[in-house]
Amino acid sequence: MNRHTGALLSFLAGYADTVGFVGLGGLFTAHVTGNFVLLGYALVGPVQGIIPKLLAFPVFVLAIAATRVLVARWQQRGRPALARAMMLQALLLLASSASAWLGGPITAPDTPYALACGMLCVAAMAAQNAYGKLLLPQLPATTVMTGNVTQLVIAITDARGGNWPPAAGHVLAGVLGFAAGACCGALMGHWSLPLAMLSACAPLVLLAWQARRAA
């Protein structure tokens, strides 16, 4: 994959996470840490849509396990595993978009269509977490930026002596991509949840096509 892959996947993660937070009552779809925080806060204060946050963790775990099994099967059969994993993620986001559209304007995050939309997006982002670890180990993390920011600050501090590591550029691109995705996700999630989920498929189709060509 080319050097823009990590930045584009980071953009997608920031985008999907913010779309879920804005359009689905504060649901974090790309990572589960935020949902744990909101579950903890529910012990002392009101949290909108507690059911999706309870379901997010088991759905996330099951989707990672399923992606692992599928990737192993594709690799055993000599199939382009990365391209197929990315298309799987795109299809899950497409189904999430369809759920949001069928549910009409979503006003509560725990209605059936809203739950389907949210859990399908969680599954899609779990797939990205899984294939990122399995098939793109050379890239910085694309879904959680805490470690990347830490690595970047250390690199910047060390660069005072002219010691800027080449990999730091990829980390910086990922952090900036995630931030840009979050901004775009906020705007799109506020405007139209179905279209926000649908538009997230486009970069995945492009990346899947590139991965198939490179295979």
Protein backbone atom coordinates (compact mmCIF):
# COMPACT_ATOMS: atom_id res chain seq x y z
CA MET A 1 0.00 0.00 0.00
CA ASN A 2 1.16 3.57 -0.63
CA ARG A 3 2.19 6.05 2.02
CA HIS A 4 -1.23 7.71 2.07
CA THR A 5 -3.03 4.57 3.28
CA GLY A 6 -2.48 5.23 6.98
CA ALA A 7 -3.62 8.85 6.71
CA LEU A 8 -6.77 7.87 4.80
CA LEU A 9 -7.68 5.10 7.25
CA SER A 10 -7.07 7.49 10.15
CA PHE A 11 -9.34 10.04 8.47
CA LEU A 12 -12.02 7.34 8.14
CA ALA A 13 -11.72 6.37 11.82
CA GLY A 14 -12.00 9.95 13.03
CA TYR A 15 -14.89 10.49 10.64
CA ALA A 16 -16.86 7.37 11.69
CA ASP A 17 -16.24 7.94 15.39
CA THR A 18 -17.55 11.50 15.23
CA VAL A 19 -20.50 10.62 12.99
CA GLY A 20 -21.56 8.06 15.59
CA PHE A 21 -21.06 10.47 18.46
CA VAL A 22 -23.07 13.24 16.75
CA GLY A 23 -25.77 11.16 15.07
CA LEU A 24 -26.22 8.26 17.50
CA GLY A 25 -26.35 9.82 20.94
CA GLY A 26 -22.68 9.84 21.83
CA LEU A 27 -21.77 6.36 20.56
CA PHE A 28 -18.07 5.83 19.85
CA THR A 29 -17.77 3.41 16.94
CA ALA A 30 -14.04 3.23 16.19
CA HIS A 31 -12.87 2.35 19.71
CA VAL A 32 -14.53 1.22 22.92
CA THR A 33 -12.69 3.37 25.47
CA GLY A 34 -15.08 6.29 25.14
CA ASN A 35 -18.09 4.03 25.62
CA PHE A 36 -16.59 2.67 28.84
CA VAL A 37 -16.21 6.23 30.11
CA LEU A 38 -19.84 7.02 29.32
CA LEU A 39 -20.97 3.80 30.99
CA GLY A 40 -19.06 4.82 34.11
CA TYR A 41 -20.62 8.27 34.01
CA ALA A 42 -24.07 6.65 33.81
CA LEU A 43 -23.62 5.60 37.44
CA VAL A 44 -23.78 9.24 38.58
CA GLY A 45 -25.52 11.13 35.76
CA PRO A 46 -27.93 10.71 32.83
CA VAL A 47 -26.48 9.24 29.63
CA GLN A 48 -28.52 9.18 26.45
CA GLY A 49 -28.85 5.75 24.85
CA ILE A 50 -27.22 3.39 27.33
CA ILE A 51 -28.21 0.24 25.36
CA PRO A 52 -25.95 0.93 22.34
CA LYS A 53 -23.00 1.54 24.64
CA LEU A 54 -23.63 -1.76 26.41
CA LEU A 55 -23.85 -3.61 23.09
CA ALA A 56 -20.84 -1.93 21.50
CA PHE A 57 -18.22 -3.98 23.35
CA PRO A 58 -19.53 -7.50 22.55
CA VAL A 59 -20.24 -6.47 18.95
CA PHE A 60 -16.72 -5.05 18.68
CA VAL A 61 -15.19 -8.26 20.05
CA LEU A 62 -17.25 -10.56 17.82
CA ALA A 63 -16.47 -8.49 14.72
CA ILE A 64 -12.73 -8.63 15.43
CA ALA A 65 -12.92 -12.41 15.88
CA ALA A 66 -14.92 -12.81 12.66
CA THR A 67 -12.45 -10.64 10.73
CA ARG A 68 -9.55 -12.70 12.07
CA VAL A 69 -11.18 -15.93 10.91
CA LEU A 70 -11.98 -14.51 7.48
CA VAL A 71 -8.49 -13.07 6.97
CA ALA A 72 -6.91 -16.41 7.87
CA ARG A 73 -9.21 -18.22 5.44
CA TRP A 74 -8.51 -15.78 2.61
CA GLN A 75 -4.77 -16.07 3.19
CA GLN A 76 -4.92 -19.87 3.17
CA ARG A 77 -6.75 -19.79 -0.15
CA GLY A 78 -4.39 -17.24 -1.70
CA ARG A 79 -7.03 -14.51 -1.90
CA PRO A 80 -6.22 -10.78 -1.60
CA ALA A 81 -7.00 -10.59 2.12
CA LEU A 82 -6.48 -6.84 2.57
CA ALA A 83 -8.71 -5.89 -0.36
CA ARG A 84 -11.43 -8.25 0.83
CA ALA A 85 -11.22 -6.99 4.42
CA MET A 86 -11.59 -3.41 3.23
CA MET A 87 -14.58 -4.34 1.08
CA LEU A 88 -16.11 -6.14 4.05
CA GLN A 89 -15.77 -2.93 6.05
CA ALA A 90 -17.32 -0.93 3.20
CA LEU A 91 -20.28 -3.33 3.04
CA LEU A 92 -20.86 -3.01 6.79
CA LEU A 93 -20.86 0.78 6.46
CA LEU A 94 -23.24 0.51 3.52
CA ALA A 95 -25.60 -1.60 5.64
CA SER A 96 -25.26 0.97 8.44
CA SER A 97 -26.26 3.71 6.01
CA ALA A 98 -29.26 1.68 4.85
CA SER A 99 -30.39 1.18 8.46
CA ALA A 100 -30.18 4.92 9.12
CA TRP A 101 -32.15 5.65 5.95
CA LEU A 102 -34.86 3.06 6.68
CA GLY A 103 -35.21 4.37 10.22
CA GLY A 104 -35.95 7.86 8.95
CA PRO A 105 -34.75 10.79 11.05
CA ILE A 106 -33.15 9.10 14.08
CA THR A 107 -34.19 10.94 17.21
CA ALA A 108 -33.24 8.30 19.80
CA PRO A 109 -30.15 6.04 19.72
CA ASP A 110 -31.88 2.95 21.10
CA THR A 111 -34.62 2.46 18.48
CA PRO A 112 -34.24 -0.73 16.38
CA TYR A 113 -32.93 1.02 13.25
CA ALA A 114 -30.64 3.27 15.26
CA LEU A 115 -29.22 0.23 17.07
CA ALA A 116 -28.68 -1.56 13.76
CA CYS A 117 -26.98 1.52 12.30
CA GLY A 118 -24.70 1.92 15.30
CA MET A 119 -23.75 -1.74 15.72
CA LEU A 120 -23.02 -2.19 12.01
CA CYS A 121 -20.72 0.83 12.16
CA VAL A 122 -19.05 -0.58 15.30
CA ALA A 123 -18.52 -3.87 13.44
CA ALA A 124 -17.05 -1.99 10.47
CA MET A 125 -14.56 -0.14 12.63
CA ALA A 126 -13.71 -3.33 14.53
CA ALA A 127 -12.82 -4.86 11.17
CA GLN A 128 -10.46 -1.93 10.51
CA ASN A 129 -8.85 -2.43 13.92
CA ALA A 130 -8.38 -6.13 13.15
CA TYR A 131 -6.98 -5.95 9.62
CA GLY A 132 -4.81 -3.01 10.63
CA LYS A 133 -3.07 -5.22 13.17
CA LEU A 134 -3.02 -8.31 10.97
CA LEU A 135 -2.24 -6.96 7.51
CA LEU A 136 -0.80 -3.46 7.97
CA PRO A 137 1.58 -3.87 10.93
CA GLN A 138 4.01 -1.39 9.40
CA LEU A 139 1.53 1.47 9.78
CA PRO A 140 0.87 3.44 12.97
CA ALA A 141 -2.49 2.76 14.61
CA THR A 142 -5.30 4.31 12.57
CA THR A 143 -8.19 4.18 15.04
CA VAL A 144 -6.74 5.35 18.37
CA MET A 145 -4.51 8.41 18.46
CA THR A 146 -3.23 8.42 22.07
CA GLY A 147 -0.18 6.29 21.32
CA ASN A 148 0.45 8.13 18.06
CA VAL A 149 0.42 11.55 19.73
CA THR A 150 2.78 10.23 22.41
CA GLN A 151 5.14 8.86 19.75
CA LEU A 152 4.94 12.11 17.79
CA VAL A 153 5.75 14.31 20.78
CA ILE A 154 8.72 12.11 21.66
CA ALA A 155 9.94 12.36 18.05
CA ILE A 156 9.56 16.14 18.04
CA THR A 157 11.43 16.39 21.34
CA ASP A 158 14.25 14.20 20.06
CA ALA A 159 14.35 16.13 16.77
CA ARG A 160 15.79 19.11 18.64
CA GLY A 161 19.11 17.38 18.11
CA GLY A 162 18.41 16.84 14.41
CA ASN A 163 17.22 13.30 15.00
CA TRP A 164 13.83 13.25 13.21
CA PRO A 165 12.88 9.59 12.45
CA PRO A 166 11.33 8.94 9.01
CA ALA A 167 8.38 7.07 10.56
CA ALA A 168 7.33 10.21 12.45
CA GLY A 169 6.03 11.67 9.19
CA HIS A 170 3.55 8.80 8.87
CA VAL A 171 2.46 9.27 12.47
CA LEU A 172 1.92 12.99 11.91
CA ALA A 173 -0.11 12.29 8.76
CA GLY A 174 -2.30 9.86 10.71
CA VAL A 175 -2.93 12.31 13.55
CA LEU A 176 -3.80 15.11 11.14
CA GLY A 177 -5.97 12.74 9.10
CA PHE A 178 -7.89 11.66 12.20
CA ALA A 179 -8.46 15.29 13.22
CA ALA A 180 -9.66 16.20 9.72
CA GLY A 181 -11.97 13.18 9.69
CA ALA A 182 -13.46 14.20 13.04
CA CYS A 183 -14.26 17.68 11.71
CA CYS A 184 -15.84 16.32 8.53
CA GLY A 185 -17.72 13.66 10.50
CA ALA A 186 -19.23 16.26 12.79
CA LEU A 187 -20.54 18.26 9.85
CA MET A 188 -21.85 15.25 7.92
CA GLY A 189 -23.31 13.51 10.98
CA HIS A 190 -25.21 16.66 11.88
CA TRP A 191 -26.46 17.12 8.31
CA SER A 192 -27.47 13.57 7.30
CA LEU A 193 -26.64 10.33 9.11
CA PRO A 194 -27.44 8.02 6.14
CA LEU A 195 -25.31 10.06 3.74
CA ALA A 196 -22.54 10.33 6.32
CA MET A 197 -22.32 6.54 6.62
CA LEU A 198 -22.64 6.08 2.86
CA SER A 199 -19.84 8.53 2.04
CA ALA A 200 -17.50 6.62 4.37
CA CYS A 201 -17.58 3.73 1.88
CA ALA A 202 -15.83 5.70 -0.87
CA PRO A 203 -12.27 5.76 0.56
CA LEU A 204 -12.53 2.07 1.40
CA VAL A 205 -13.50 1.12 -2.14
CA LEU A 206 -10.52 3.13 -3.42
CA LEU A 207 -8.13 1.51 -0.94
CA ALA A 208 -9.50 -1.97 -1.68
CA TRP A 209 -8.94 -1.40 -5.41
CA GLN A 210 -5.36 -0.29 -4.75
CA ALA A 211 -4.76 -3.28 -2.48
CA ARG A 212 -6.08 -5.70 -5.10
CA ARG A 213 -3.81 -4.17 -7.75
CA ALA A 214 -0.81 -4.44 -5.43
CA ALA A 215 -1.55 -8.04 -4.44
